[in-house]
Amino acid sequence: MTRSAFEKAVREAARGLPKVFRDRIHNVEIIVESRSPDGELTGLYEGVPLTERGADRSAELPDRIILYQKDIEEDCRENGSDLREHIAHVLRHEIAHYFGISDERLEDLGAY
């Protein structure tokens, strides 16, 4: 998939989030990079989760959610999963971290 088509799929996945979550996501940049530094990650949340924030964050840079295109595409090829569904899954996973939900809790909730 081309980079622009992948980015479009990411935007569609973001628009497809439930409104209750979309309305609570503020000052978060969602970006696409080609590959993760170690070639193992499909996504990464960089920032301070909502559950750990103080009252005043007005002067801070945006949090970032990074989706790694090549790593996601390779996962899909290996697992036979649908690329758009996998993009949405990775995005939801990283947004969960924004809301302060750990990998362990996501496993407990059956999100994997």
N, C-alpha and C. Protein backbone atom coordinates (compact mmCIF):
# COMPACT_ATOMS: atom_id res chain seq x y z
N MET A 1 0.85 -1.17 0.00
CA MET A 1 0.00 0.00 0.00
C MET A 1 0.90 1.24 0.00
N THR A 2 0.51 2.24 -0.74
CA THR A 2 1.31 3.47 -0.74
C THR A 2 1.17 4.17 0.61
N ARG A 3 2.12 5.06 0.89
CA ARG A 3 2.08 5.80 2.14
C ARG A 3 0.80 6.63 2.25
N SER A 4 0.41 7.30 1.17
CA SER A 4 -0.79 8.13 1.23
C SER A 4 -2.05 7.29 1.44
N ALA A 5 -2.13 6.11 0.84
CA ALA A 5 -3.27 5.23 1.04
C ALA A 5 -3.30 4.70 2.48
N PHE A 6 -2.13 4.41 3.02
CA PHE A 6 -2.03 3.95 4.41
C PHE A 6 -2.48 5.06 5.35
N GLU A 7 -2.00 6.28 5.12
CA GLU A 7 -2.40 7.41 5.96
C GLU A 7 -3.91 7.66 5.88
N LYS A 8 -4.47 7.47 4.71
CA LYS A 8 -5.92 7.61 4.55
C LYS A 8 -6.64 6.55 5.38
N ALA A 9 -6.14 5.32 5.37
CA ALA A 9 -6.74 4.25 6.17
C ALA A 9 -6.64 4.57 7.67
N VAL A 10 -5.55 5.19 8.08
CA VAL A 10 -5.39 5.60 9.48
C VAL A 10 -6.44 6.66 9.83
N ARG A 11 -6.61 7.65 8.95
CA ARG A 11 -7.62 8.69 9.19
C ARG A 11 -9.02 8.08 9.28
N GLU A 12 -9.31 7.12 8.41
CA GLU A 12 -10.62 6.45 8.45
C GLU A 12 -10.80 5.68 9.75
N ALA A 13 -9.73 5.02 10.20
CA ALA A 13 -9.80 4.29 11.47
C ALA A 13 -10.06 5.26 12.63
N ALA A 14 -9.42 6.43 12.60
CA ALA A 14 -9.62 7.42 13.65
C ALA A 14 -11.06 7.95 13.63
N ARG A 15 -11.59 8.18 12.44
CA ARG A 15 -12.98 8.64 12.33
C ARG A 15 -13.95 7.56 12.78
N GLY A 16 -13.54 6.30 12.68
CA GLY A 16 -14.40 5.19 13.06
C GLY A 16 -14.42 4.89 14.55
N LEU A 17 -13.62 5.61 15.33
CA LEU A 17 -13.64 5.42 16.78
C LEU A 17 -14.98 5.88 17.33
N PRO A 18 -15.45 5.25 18.40
CA PRO A 18 -16.69 5.72 19.01
C PRO A 18 -16.58 7.20 19.41
N LYS A 19 -17.65 7.93 19.24
CA LYS A 19 -17.67 9.37 19.51
C LYS A 19 -17.23 9.67 20.95
N VAL A 20 -17.60 8.84 21.88
CA VAL A 20 -17.24 9.08 23.28
C VAL A 20 -15.72 9.14 23.46
N PHE A 21 -14.97 8.37 22.66
CA PHE A 21 -13.51 8.43 22.72
C PHE A 21 -12.98 9.60 21.91
N ARG A 22 -13.51 9.78 20.70
CA ARG A 22 -13.04 10.89 19.86
C ARG A 22 -13.18 12.22 20.59
N ASP A 23 -14.28 12.39 21.33
CA ASP A 23 -14.53 13.64 22.03
C ASP A 23 -13.56 13.87 23.20
N ARG A 24 -12.92 12.83 23.67
CA ARG A 24 -12.02 12.95 24.83
C ARG A 24 -10.54 12.95 24.46
N ILE A 25 -10.24 12.81 23.19
CA ILE A 25 -8.85 12.81 22.75
C ILE A 25 -8.48 14.24 22.36
N HIS A 26 -7.51 14.79 23.08
CA HIS A 26 -7.09 16.17 22.85
C HIS A 26 -5.58 16.25 22.78
N ASN A 27 -5.09 17.08 21.88
CA ASN A 27 -3.68 17.38 21.76
C ASN A 27 -2.86 16.10 21.52
N VAL A 28 -3.35 15.28 20.59
CA VAL A 28 -2.67 14.05 20.21
C VAL A 28 -2.46 14.06 18.70
N GLU A 29 -1.23 13.86 18.30
CA GLU A 29 -0.88 13.79 16.89
C GLU A 29 -0.77 12.32 16.50
N ILE A 30 -1.45 11.93 15.45
CA ILE A 30 -1.36 10.55 14.94
C ILE A 30 -0.54 10.61 13.67
N ILE A 31 0.59 9.90 13.69
CA ILE A 31 1.49 9.94 12.54
C ILE A 31 1.83 8.54 12.07
N VAL A 32 2.28 8.47 10.84
CA VAL A 32 2.73 7.21 10.24
C VAL A 32 4.22 7.33 9.98
N GLU A 33 4.95 6.31 10.40
CA GLU A 33 6.36 6.19 10.05
C GLU A 33 6.54 4.86 9.35
N SER A 34 7.60 4.75 8.58
CA SER A 34 7.82 3.57 7.77
C SER A 34 8.00 2.32 8.62
N ARG A 35 8.95 2.36 9.55
CA ARG A 35 9.30 1.16 10.32
C ARG A 35 9.69 1.56 11.73
N SER A 36 9.38 0.69 12.68
CA SER A 36 9.79 0.95 14.06
C SER A 36 11.30 0.77 14.19
N PRO A 37 11.90 1.41 15.18
CA PRO A 37 13.36 1.32 15.33
C PRO A 37 13.88 -0.11 15.42
N ASP A 38 13.13 -0.99 16.09
CA ASP A 38 13.59 -2.37 16.23
C ASP A 38 12.92 -3.33 15.26
N GLY A 39 12.01 -2.83 14.43
CA GLY A 39 11.31 -3.68 13.48
C GLY A 39 10.30 -4.60 14.13
N GLU A 40 9.98 -4.35 15.38
CA GLU A 40 9.09 -5.23 16.14
C GLU A 40 7.75 -4.59 16.50
N LEU A 41 7.71 -3.27 16.58
CA LEU A 41 6.50 -2.58 17.02
C LEU A 41 5.60 -2.25 15.84
N THR A 42 4.31 -2.33 16.06
CA THR A 42 3.37 -1.88 15.04
C THR A 42 2.87 -0.48 15.36
N GLY A 43 2.95 -0.11 16.63
CA GLY A 43 2.51 1.22 17.05
C GLY A 43 3.17 1.60 18.35
N LEU A 44 3.11 2.90 18.65
CA LEU A 44 3.73 3.41 19.87
C LEU A 44 2.98 4.66 20.33
N TYR A 45 2.71 4.72 21.63
CA TYR A 45 2.15 5.93 22.22
C TYR A 45 3.27 6.63 22.96
N GLU A 46 3.49 7.90 22.65
CA GLU A 46 4.48 8.74 23.33
C GLU A 46 3.75 9.89 23.98
N GLY A 47 3.77 9.92 25.28
CA GLY A 47 3.11 11.01 25.99
C GLY A 47 2.85 10.64 27.43
N VAL A 48 2.02 11.43 28.06
CA VAL A 48 1.62 11.20 29.44
C VAL A 48 0.16 10.76 29.43
N PRO A 49 -0.11 9.54 29.88
CA PRO A 49 -1.50 9.07 29.89
C PRO A 49 -2.40 9.99 30.71
N LEU A 50 -3.65 10.07 30.35
CA LEU A 50 -4.60 10.93 31.06
C LEU A 50 -4.62 10.64 32.55
N THR A 51 -4.45 9.40 32.92
CA THR A 51 -4.51 9.02 34.34
C THR A 51 -3.32 9.53 35.14
N GLU A 52 -2.29 10.03 34.47
CA GLU A 52 -1.09 10.50 35.17
C GLU A 52 -0.86 12.01 35.02
N ARG A 53 -1.81 12.71 34.45
CA ARG A 53 -1.62 14.13 34.16
C ARG A 53 -2.01 15.02 35.32
N GLY A 54 -1.30 16.15 35.39
CA GLY A 54 -1.67 17.20 36.32
C GLY A 54 -2.74 18.07 35.69
N ALA A 55 -3.11 19.12 36.40
CA ALA A 55 -4.19 19.99 35.95
C ALA A 55 -3.81 20.87 34.75
N ASP A 56 -2.57 21.37 34.71
CA ASP A 56 -2.21 22.32 33.66
C ASP A 56 -1.24 21.70 32.67
N ARG A 57 -1.73 21.43 31.46
CA ARG A 57 -0.88 20.91 30.39
C ARG A 57 -0.96 21.80 29.16
N SER A 58 -1.40 23.02 29.33
CA SER A 58 -1.66 23.88 28.18
C SER A 58 -0.42 24.21 27.36
N ALA A 59 0.75 24.23 27.98
CA ALA A 59 1.96 24.62 27.26
C ALA A 59 2.76 23.43 26.73
N GLU A 60 2.25 22.25 26.89
CA GLU A 60 2.99 21.05 26.49
C GLU A 60 2.78 20.71 25.02
N LEU A 61 3.78 20.07 24.46
CA LEU A 61 3.68 19.57 23.10
C LEU A 61 2.63 18.47 23.04
N PRO A 62 2.08 18.20 21.87
CA PRO A 62 1.09 17.13 21.78
C PRO A 62 1.70 15.76 22.05
N ASP A 63 0.87 14.87 22.59
CA ASP A 63 1.25 13.46 22.65
C ASP A 63 1.28 12.96 21.22
N ARG A 64 1.93 11.81 21.03
CA ARG A 64 2.01 11.25 19.67
C ARG A 64 1.63 9.78 19.70
N ILE A 65 0.89 9.40 18.70
CA ILE A 65 0.64 7.99 18.41
C ILE A 65 1.27 7.74 17.06
N ILE A 66 2.19 6.79 17.03
CA ILE A 66 2.91 6.46 15.81
C ILE A 66 2.47 5.08 15.35
N LEU A 67 2.08 4.98 14.10
CA LEU A 67 1.78 3.70 13.48
C LEU A 67 2.89 3.41 12.48
N TYR A 68 3.45 2.20 12.57
CA TYR A 68 4.58 1.81 11.72
C TYR A 68 4.08 0.97 10.56
N GLN A 69 4.03 1.59 9.41
CA GLN A 69 3.41 1.00 8.23
C GLN A 69 3.99 -0.36 7.85
N LYS A 70 5.29 -0.45 7.66
CA LYS A 70 5.89 -1.70 7.19
C LYS A 70 5.69 -2.83 8.20
N ASP A 71 5.79 -2.51 9.49
CA ASP A 71 5.60 -3.54 10.52
C ASP A 71 4.16 -4.03 10.55
N ILE A 72 3.21 -3.11 10.37
CA ILE A 72 1.80 -3.51 10.32
C ILE A 72 1.54 -4.37 9.08
N GLU A 73 2.08 -3.94 7.94
CA GLU A 73 1.88 -4.71 6.70
C GLU A 73 2.48 -6.10 6.82
N GLU A 74 3.67 -6.21 7.42
CA GLU A 74 4.29 -7.52 7.60
C GLU A 74 3.45 -8.40 8.53
N ASP A 75 2.92 -7.83 9.62
CA ASP A 75 2.04 -8.59 10.51
C ASP A 75 0.85 -9.15 9.73
N CYS A 76 0.27 -8.32 8.89
CA CYS A 76 -0.89 -8.76 8.11
C CYS A 76 -0.54 -9.89 7.16
N ARG A 77 0.60 -9.78 6.51
CA ARG A 77 1.02 -10.85 5.59
C ARG A 77 1.25 -12.16 6.36
N GLU A 78 1.89 -12.06 7.52
CA GLU A 78 2.19 -13.26 8.31
C GLU A 78 0.95 -13.89 8.91
N ASN A 79 -0.01 -13.06 9.32
CA ASN A 79 -1.20 -13.56 10.02
C ASN A 79 -2.42 -13.69 9.13
N GLY A 80 -2.33 -13.18 7.91
CA GLY A 80 -3.47 -13.23 7.00
C GLY A 80 -4.60 -12.32 7.43
N SER A 81 -4.28 -11.30 8.24
CA SER A 81 -5.34 -10.40 8.70
C SER A 81 -5.57 -9.27 7.70
N ASP A 82 -6.74 -8.67 7.79
CA ASP A 82 -7.12 -7.57 6.93
C ASP A 82 -6.35 -6.32 7.35
N LEU A 83 -5.72 -5.64 6.40
CA LEU A 83 -4.86 -4.50 6.70
C LEU A 83 -5.64 -3.38 7.39
N ARG A 84 -6.78 -3.00 6.87
CA ARG A 84 -7.55 -1.90 7.47
C ARG A 84 -8.01 -2.25 8.88
N GLU A 85 -8.42 -3.47 9.09
CA GLU A 85 -8.83 -3.89 10.43
C GLU A 85 -7.64 -3.87 11.39
N HIS A 86 -6.48 -4.28 10.89
CA HIS A 86 -5.28 -4.29 11.74
C HIS A 86 -4.84 -2.86 12.08
N ILE A 87 -4.92 -1.96 11.12
CA ILE A 87 -4.61 -0.56 11.39
C ILE A 87 -5.53 -0.04 12.51
N ALA A 88 -6.82 -0.31 12.40
CA ALA A 88 -7.77 0.14 13.41
C ALA A 88 -7.46 -0.47 14.76
N HIS A 89 -7.07 -1.75 14.78
CA HIS A 89 -6.73 -2.42 16.03
C HIS A 89 -5.51 -1.77 16.68
N VAL A 90 -4.48 -1.52 15.91
CA VAL A 90 -3.26 -0.91 16.45
C VAL A 90 -3.58 0.49 16.96
N LEU A 91 -4.36 1.25 16.22
CA LEU A 91 -4.72 2.60 16.65
C LEU A 91 -5.50 2.55 17.97
N ARG A 92 -6.48 1.66 18.07
CA ARG A 92 -7.25 1.54 19.32
C ARG A 92 -6.34 1.16 20.49
N HIS A 93 -5.39 0.28 20.23
CA HIS A 93 -4.44 -0.15 21.26
C HIS A 93 -3.65 1.04 21.79
N GLU A 94 -3.12 1.86 20.90
CA GLU A 94 -2.32 3.00 21.31
C GLU A 94 -3.18 4.07 21.99
N ILE A 95 -4.41 4.24 21.53
CA ILE A 95 -5.32 5.17 22.19
C ILE A 95 -5.65 4.69 23.60
N ALA A 96 -5.74 3.39 23.78
CA ALA A 96 -5.96 2.85 25.12
C ALA A 96 -4.83 3.29 26.06
N HIS A 97 -3.60 3.29 25.57
CA HIS A 97 -2.48 3.77 26.38
C HIS A 97 -2.64 5.25 26.72
N TYR A 98 -3.12 6.04 25.78
CA TYR A 98 -3.41 7.46 26.03
C TYR A 98 -4.38 7.60 27.20
N PHE A 99 -5.36 6.71 27.27
CA PHE A 99 -6.34 6.74 28.36
C PHE A 99 -5.82 6.06 29.63
N GLY A 100 -4.57 5.58 29.60
CA GLY A 100 -3.97 5.00 30.81
C GLY A 100 -4.17 3.51 30.98
N ILE A 101 -4.58 2.83 29.94
CA ILE A 101 -4.82 1.38 30.03
C ILE A 101 -3.54 0.65 29.61
N SER A 102 -3.04 -0.20 30.50
CA SER A 102 -1.78 -0.91 30.25
C SER A 102 -1.99 -2.11 29.34
N ASP A 103 -0.87 -2.64 28.81
CA ASP A 103 -0.93 -3.86 28.01
C ASP A 103 -1.54 -5.00 28.81
N GLU A 104 -1.17 -5.10 30.09
CA GLU A 104 -1.69 -6.18 30.93
C GLU A 104 -3.21 -6.08 31.06
N ARG A 105 -3.70 -4.87 31.27
CA ARG A 105 -5.16 -4.67 31.40
C ARG A 105 -5.86 -4.97 30.07
N LEU A 106 -5.25 -4.58 28.96
CA LEU A 106 -5.83 -4.89 27.66
C LEU A 106 -5.93 -6.40 27.47
N GLU A 107 -4.93 -7.13 27.92
CA GLU A 107 -4.98 -8.60 27.85
C GLU A 107 -6.10 -9.12 28.72
N ASP A 108 -6.24 -8.59 29.96
CA ASP A 108 -7.32 -9.00 30.84
C ASP A 108 -8.69 -8.75 30.22
N LEU A 109 -8.80 -7.67 29.46
CA LEU A 109 -10.07 -7.31 28.82
C LEU A 109 -10.33 -8.10 27.53
N GLY A 110 -9.34 -8.89 27.10
CA GLY A 110 -9.51 -9.67 25.88
C GLY A 110 -9.32 -8.86 24.61
N ALA A 111 -8.55 -7.78 24.69
CA ALA A 111 -8.35 -6.93 23.53
C ALA A 111 -7.32 -7.49 22.57
N TYR A 112 -6.70 -8.60 22.91
CA TYR A 112 -5.69 -9.21 22.03
C TYR A 112 -6.24 -10.48 21.43
